[in-house]
Protein backbone atom coordinates (compact mmCIF):
# COMPACT_ATOMS: atom_id res chain seq x y z
CA MET A 1 -0.04 0.04 -0.08
CA ILE A 2 2.90 2.39 0.78
CA ALA A 3 4.53 1.71 -2.57
CA GLU A 4 1.37 2.58 -4.44
CA THR A 5 1.02 5.81 -2.52
CA VAL A 6 4.69 6.68 -3.21
CA CYS A 7 4.24 5.94 -7.00
CA SER A 8 1.11 8.07 -7.17
CA ALA A 9 2.87 11.05 -5.36
CA VAL A 10 5.85 10.77 -7.79
CA SER A 11 3.47 10.78 -10.79
CA ALA A 12 1.54 13.76 -9.48
CA ALA A 13 4.82 15.67 -8.82
CA GLY A 14 6.11 14.81 -12.33
CA LEU A 15 2.88 15.97 -13.91
CA GLY A 16 3.16 19.36 -11.89
CA ILE A 17 6.72 19.77 -13.29
CA ALA A 18 5.56 19.00 -16.79
CA ALA A 19 2.91 21.72 -16.38
CA VAL A 20 5.41 24.27 -15.21
CA THR A 21 7.72 23.29 -18.11
CA ALA A 22 4.84 23.61 -20.68
CA TYR A 23 4.09 27.08 -19.16
CA ARG A 24 7.57 28.15 -19.98
CA LYS A 25 6.92 27.16 -23.69
CA ARG A 26 9.22 24.04 -23.64
CA PHE A 27 6.58 21.79 -24.99
CA LEU A 28 8.92 18.92 -26.17
CA ALA A 29 10.57 18.75 -22.65
CA ALA A 30 7.17 18.94 -20.92
CA THR A 31 5.76 16.06 -23.02
CA ARG A 32 8.78 13.92 -22.13
CA ILE A 33 8.46 14.67 -18.43
CA ALA A 34 4.78 13.92 -18.43
CA ALA A 35 5.55 10.50 -20.22
CA TYR A 36 8.16 9.66 -17.53
CA SER A 37 5.82 10.73 -14.69
CA LEU A 38 2.95 8.56 -16.00
CA VAL A 39 5.05 5.40 -15.81
CA PRO A 40 4.84 4.86 -12.03
CA ILE A 41 1.06 5.20 -11.95
CA GLY A 42 0.81 2.84 -14.86
CA LEU A 43 2.86 0.31 -12.99
CA VAL A 44 0.62 0.64 -9.97
CA MET A 45 -2.46 0.17 -12.15
CA THR A 46 -1.10 -2.95 -13.82
CA GLY A 47 -0.14 -4.59 -10.44
CA VAL A 48 3.56 -4.73 -11.16
CA VAL A 49 4.39 -2.60 -8.06
CA GLU A 50 2.39 -4.92 -5.80
CA TRP A 51 4.09 -7.94 -7.31
CA LEU A 52 7.55 -6.35 -6.81
CA ALA A 53 6.69 -5.33 -3.23
CA ASP A 54 5.64 -8.95 -2.54
CA THR A 55 8.79 -10.22 -4.12
CA ALA A 56 11.06 -7.85 -2.29
CA LEU A 57 9.74 -8.87 1.13
CA SER A 58 9.53 -12.56 0.43
CA LEU A 59 12.22 -14.75 1.84
CA THR A 60 11.45 -17.46 -0.62
CA ALA A 61 11.97 -15.11 -3.65
CA TRP A 62 15.37 -14.03 -2.17
CA ALA A 63 16.45 -17.61 -1.71
CA GLY A 64 15.33 -18.31 -5.32
CA PHE A 65 17.46 -15.39 -6.48
CA GLY A 66 20.33 -16.82 -4.46
CA VAL A 67 19.94 -20.28 -6.09
CA LEU A 68 19.91 -18.63 -9.50
CA GLY A 69 23.07 -16.70 -8.63
CA LEU A 70 24.78 -19.92 -7.42
CA ALA A 71 23.82 -21.69 -10.70
CA TRP A 72 25.22 -18.80 -12.76
CA LEU A 73 28.38 -18.84 -10.76
CA LEU A 74 28.88 -22.60 -11.22
CA PHE A 75 28.25 -22.30 -14.82
CA MET A 76 30.80 -19.50 -15.34
CA THR A 77 33.36 -21.38 -13.23
CA THR A 78 33.12 -24.49 -15.44
CA ARG A 79 33.56 -22.25 -18.50
CA VAL A 80 36.74 -20.72 -17.14
CA VAL A 81 38.12 -24.11 -16.23
CA GLU A 82 37.32 -25.47 -19.54
CA ARG A 83 39.07 -22.65 -21.31
CA ARG A 84 42.22 -22.94 -19.14
CA ARG A 85 42.37 -26.66 -19.89
CA GLY A 86 42.18 -26.05 -23.67
CA GLY A 87 38.61 -26.95 -24.55
CA THR A 88 36.24 -29.96 -24.11
CA ARG A 89 37.28 -33.59 -23.93
CA LYS A 90 36.50 -34.13 -27.67
CA GLU A 91 38.64 -31.15 -28.59
CA ARG A 92 41.59 -32.40 -26.51
CA LYS A 93 41.36 -35.89 -27.93
CA ALA A 94 41.32 -34.50 -31.55
CA ALA A 95 44.42 -32.31 -30.69
CA ARG A 96 46.21 -35.46 -29.40
CA GLU A 97 45.31 -37.40 -32.53
CA ALA A 98 46.62 -34.63 -34.76
CA ALA A 99 49.86 -34.30 -32.70
CA ARG A 100 50.61 -38.06 -32.79
CA PRO A 101 53.25 -39.00 -35.33
CA ASP A 102 52.33 -41.32 -38.18
CA ALA A 103 52.94 -45.05 -37.83
CA VAL A 104 55.13 -45.00 -40.95
CA ALA A 105 58.06 -42.63 -41.25
CA PRO A 106 57.94 -40.40 -44.25
CA ALA A 107 61.42 -41.52 -45.54
CA ALA A 108 60.45 -45.24 -45.34
CA SER A 109 58.54 -45.12 -48.58
CA ALA A 110 61.11 -43.15 -50.50
CA PRO A 111 62.79 -46.16 -52.22
CA SER A 112 59.47 -47.29 -53.70
CA LEU A 113 59.08 -43.86 -55.23
CA GLY A 114 62.21 -44.32 -57.27
CA GLN A 115 64.64 -42.17 -55.37
CA GLY A 116 67.57 -44.46 -54.89
CA GLN A 117 69.82 -43.38 -52.06
CA GLY A 118 69.35 -41.17 -49.05
CA SER A 119 66.43 -39.62 -47.40
CA ARG A 120 66.14 -36.47 -49.46
CA PRO A 121 62.51 -35.41 -49.81
CA ALA A 122 60.99 -35.59 -53.33
CA THR A 123 61.22 -32.25 -55.11
CA ARG A 124 58.25 -30.95 -57.09
CA PRO A 125 58.83 -29.79 -60.57
CA ALA A 126 58.92 -26.08 -60.97
CA SER A 127 55.48 -24.55 -61.69
CA PRO A 128 55.31 -22.38 -64.70
CA ALA A 129 55.43 -18.65 -63.88
CA ARG A 130 51.99 -17.22 -63.50
CA GLY A 131 53.15 -13.63 -63.95
CA ASP A 132 52.35 -13.61 -67.69
CA ASP A 133 48.93 -15.06 -67.15
CA ASP A 134 48.12 -12.32 -64.56
CA PHE A 135 49.26 -9.52 -66.85
CA SER A 136 47.19 -10.92 -69.70
CA ASP A 137 44.11 -10.59 -67.65
CA ILE A 138 44.85 -7.06 -66.69
CA GLU A 139 45.68 -6.25 -70.33
CA ALA A 140 42.34 -7.68 -71.46
CA ILE A 141 40.39 -5.62 -68.88
CA LEU A 142 42.38 -2.37 -69.88
CA LYS A 143 41.66 -3.07 -73.57
CA LYS A 144 37.93 -3.61 -72.83
CA HIS A 145 37.74 -0.21 -71.24
CA GLY A 146 39.80 1.37 -74.08
CA ILE A 147 42.74 2.29 -71.92
């Protein structure tokens, strides 16, 4: 009951300030003040203030907020620990699989590829220079625009 009375008084005072502001020919500001001052009385009329007052004075509601806070804290703690460890179990397993060396050494199959001696890695043939191809595309674009 006290909360409803306070909200009504705040709304009445706000509407009075809006009237004084409108008297001074500041209609836009007066309209904004009137809108803000109607919010508390609207909340009283919809029952939100009564619900908030009951919630604020309820021990069960505060215990519920405490349980929600504890759940949030536990959730965030697990996220921090997970990040420090380097991800989830599946991610760590995939990382170990990727880091494990192959069963066959890369140089073991070199003789079957035709390289006779040593463990030199196979060299790739030199690829043709792509510079001419790039410039021909540019020249075609320039010719298209008449440059």
